[in-house]
Every structure is written in structure tokens, then in C-alpha cells.
């Protein structure tokens, strides 16, 4: 990561990890991504587009009544 990359990470309750700012990341094979401004990473494990969130968590985490 270079000195100009800055970002914020937010853990969304019952949802994905939201990363916003100027950043890049390495995948599991060690490949460096292009620079991004915003991404949502899956935390539930149900996404069909891992590591990115596709909204599948919406049926997993239910708010207690």
C-alpha cells in the first residue's frame, strides 16, 4: 500500500464489512487488486461472489422479536 492510500473500515451489524476510501488489496493468491474507492466484503459466508457481499446475509441474520 502506498502512502496516499487512506480508508475506513465499518463492520455493519448483521451485514458485510464496508471499506470506503482509497485502497487496494491482495487476494488469496497474492494478486494485488486495482485501486478501489468502496467495497463490501462478505462476513456470512453465503455470498456467491466471495469475497464480496451479494446480499445473501439478509436471510441469515434475523433481528430477535
C-alpha atoms as a PDB file:
ATOM      1  CA  UNK A   1       0.000   0.000   0.000  1.00  0.00           C
ATOM      2  CA  UNK A   2       1.374   3.417  -0.839  1.00  0.00           C
ATOM      3  CA  UNK A   3       1.385   6.470   1.456  1.00  0.00           C
ATOM      4  CA  UNK A   4      -1.542   8.106  -0.356  1.00  0.00           C
ATOM      5  CA  UNK A   5      -3.989   5.283   0.336  1.00  0.00           C
ATOM      6  CA  UNK A   6      -6.395   6.020   3.174  1.00  0.00           C
ATOM      7  CA  UNK A   7      -9.581   4.201   4.107  1.00  0.00           C
ATOM      8  CA  UNK A   8     -12.183   3.496   6.782  1.00  0.00           C
ATOM      9  CA  UNK A   9     -13.499   0.074   7.741  1.00  0.00           C
ATOM     10  CA  UNK A  10     -17.008  -0.321   9.126  1.00  0.00           C
ATOM     11  CA  UNK A  11     -18.499  -3.570  10.385  1.00  0.00           C
ATOM     12  CA  UNK A  12     -22.201  -3.394   9.562  1.00  0.00           C
ATOM     13  CA  UNK A  13     -24.360  -5.100  12.184  1.00  0.00           C
ATOM     14  CA  UNK A  14     -25.811  -8.289  10.671  1.00  0.00           C
ATOM     15  CA  UNK A  15     -24.149  -7.419   7.377  1.00  0.00           C
ATOM     16  CA  UNK A  16     -20.885  -7.078   5.484  1.00  0.00           C
ATOM     17  CA  UNK A  17     -17.648  -5.279   6.189  1.00  0.00           C
ATOM     18  CA  UNK A  18     -17.761  -1.931   4.397  1.00  0.00           C
ATOM     19  CA  UNK A  19     -14.457  -0.428   3.291  1.00  0.00           C
ATOM     20  CA  UNK A  20     -14.515   3.118   1.961  1.00  0.00           C
ATOM     21  CA  UNK A  21     -11.681   5.334   0.842  1.00  0.00           C
ATOM     22  CA  UNK A  22      -8.684   4.880  -1.424  1.00  0.00           C
ATOM     23  CA  UNK A  23      -7.230   1.362  -1.182  1.00  0.00           C
ATOM     24  CA  UNK A  24      -6.199  -1.853  -2.894  1.00  0.00           C
ATOM     25  CA  UNK A  25      -5.971  -5.400  -1.525  1.00  0.00           C
ATOM     26  CA  UNK A  26      -4.336  -8.753  -2.213  1.00  0.00           C
ATOM     27  CA  UNK A  27      -6.455 -11.816  -2.937  1.00  0.00           C
ATOM     28  CA  UNK A  28      -5.754 -15.282  -1.546  1.00  0.00           C
ATOM     29  CA  UNK A  29      -3.359 -15.962  -4.440  1.00  0.00           C
ATOM     30  CA  UNK A  30      -1.369 -12.817  -3.643  1.00  0.00           C
ATOM     31  CA  UNK A  31      -2.612 -10.811  -6.632  1.00  0.00           C
ATOM     32  CA  UNK A  32      -2.885  -7.075  -5.984  1.00  0.00           C
ATOM     33  CA  UNK A  33      -6.245  -5.579  -6.958  1.00  0.00           C
ATOM     34  CA  UNK A  34      -6.805  -2.346  -8.784  1.00  0.00           C
ATOM     35  CA  UNK A  35      -7.352   0.675  -6.577  1.00  0.00           C
ATOM     36  CA  UNK A  36     -10.860   0.892  -5.102  1.00  0.00           C
ATOM     37  CA  UNK A  37     -12.989   3.598  -3.506  1.00  0.00           C
ATOM     38  CA  UNK A  38     -15.595   1.371  -1.870  1.00  0.00           C
ATOM     39  CA  UNK A  39     -16.216  -2.349  -1.366  1.00  0.00           C
ATOM     40  CA  UNK A  40     -18.423  -4.586   0.750  1.00  0.00           C
ATOM     41  CA  UNK A  41     -16.851  -7.855   1.923  1.00  0.00           C
ATOM     42  CA  UNK A  42     -18.993 -10.864   2.898  1.00  0.00           C
ATOM     43  CA  UNK A  43     -18.987 -11.930   6.575  1.00  0.00           C
ATOM     44  CA  UNK A  44     -21.796 -14.517   6.479  1.00  0.00           C
ATOM     45  CA  UNK A  45     -20.151 -16.971   4.071  1.00  0.00           C
ATOM     46  CA  UNK A  46     -23.233 -17.240   1.828  1.00  0.00           C
ATOM     47  CA  UNK A  47     -22.198 -14.871  -0.967  1.00  0.00           C
ATOM     48  CA  UNK A  48     -21.939 -16.407  -4.412  1.00  0.00           C
ATOM     49  CA  UNK A  49     -19.420 -13.673  -5.290  1.00  0.00           C
ATOM     50  CA  UNK A  50     -16.875 -14.132  -2.457  1.00  0.00           C
ATOM     51  CA  UNK A  51     -15.093 -12.291  -1.051  1.00  0.00           C
ATOM     52  CA  UNK A  52     -17.636  -9.630  -1.989  1.00  0.00           C
ATOM     53  CA  UNK A  53     -21.088  -9.277  -0.461  1.00  0.00           C
ATOM     54  CA  UNK A  54     -24.061 -10.074  -2.705  1.00  0.00           C
ATOM     55  CA  UNK A  55     -26.775  -9.501  -0.078  1.00  0.00           C
ATOM     56  CA  UNK A  56     -27.224 -13.188   0.827  1.00  0.00           C
ATOM     57  CA  UNK A  57     -26.876 -12.321   4.535  1.00  0.00           C
ATOM     58  CA  UNK A  58     -30.308 -10.703   4.545  1.00  0.00           C
ATOM     59  CA  UNK A  59     -31.963 -14.085   5.127  1.00  0.00           C
ATOM     60  CA  UNK A  60     -29.329 -15.331   7.594  1.00  0.00           C
ATOM     61  CA  UNK A  61     -29.285 -12.816  10.432  1.00  0.00           C
ATOM     62  CA  UNK A  62     -32.711 -12.133  11.856  1.00  0.00           C
ATOM     63  CA  UNK A  63     -33.432  -9.492  14.491  1.00  0.00           C
ATOM     64  CA  UNK A  64     -34.958 -11.091  17.623  1.00  0.00           C
ATOM     65  CA  UNK A  65     -38.552 -10.033  18.241  1.00  0.00           C
END
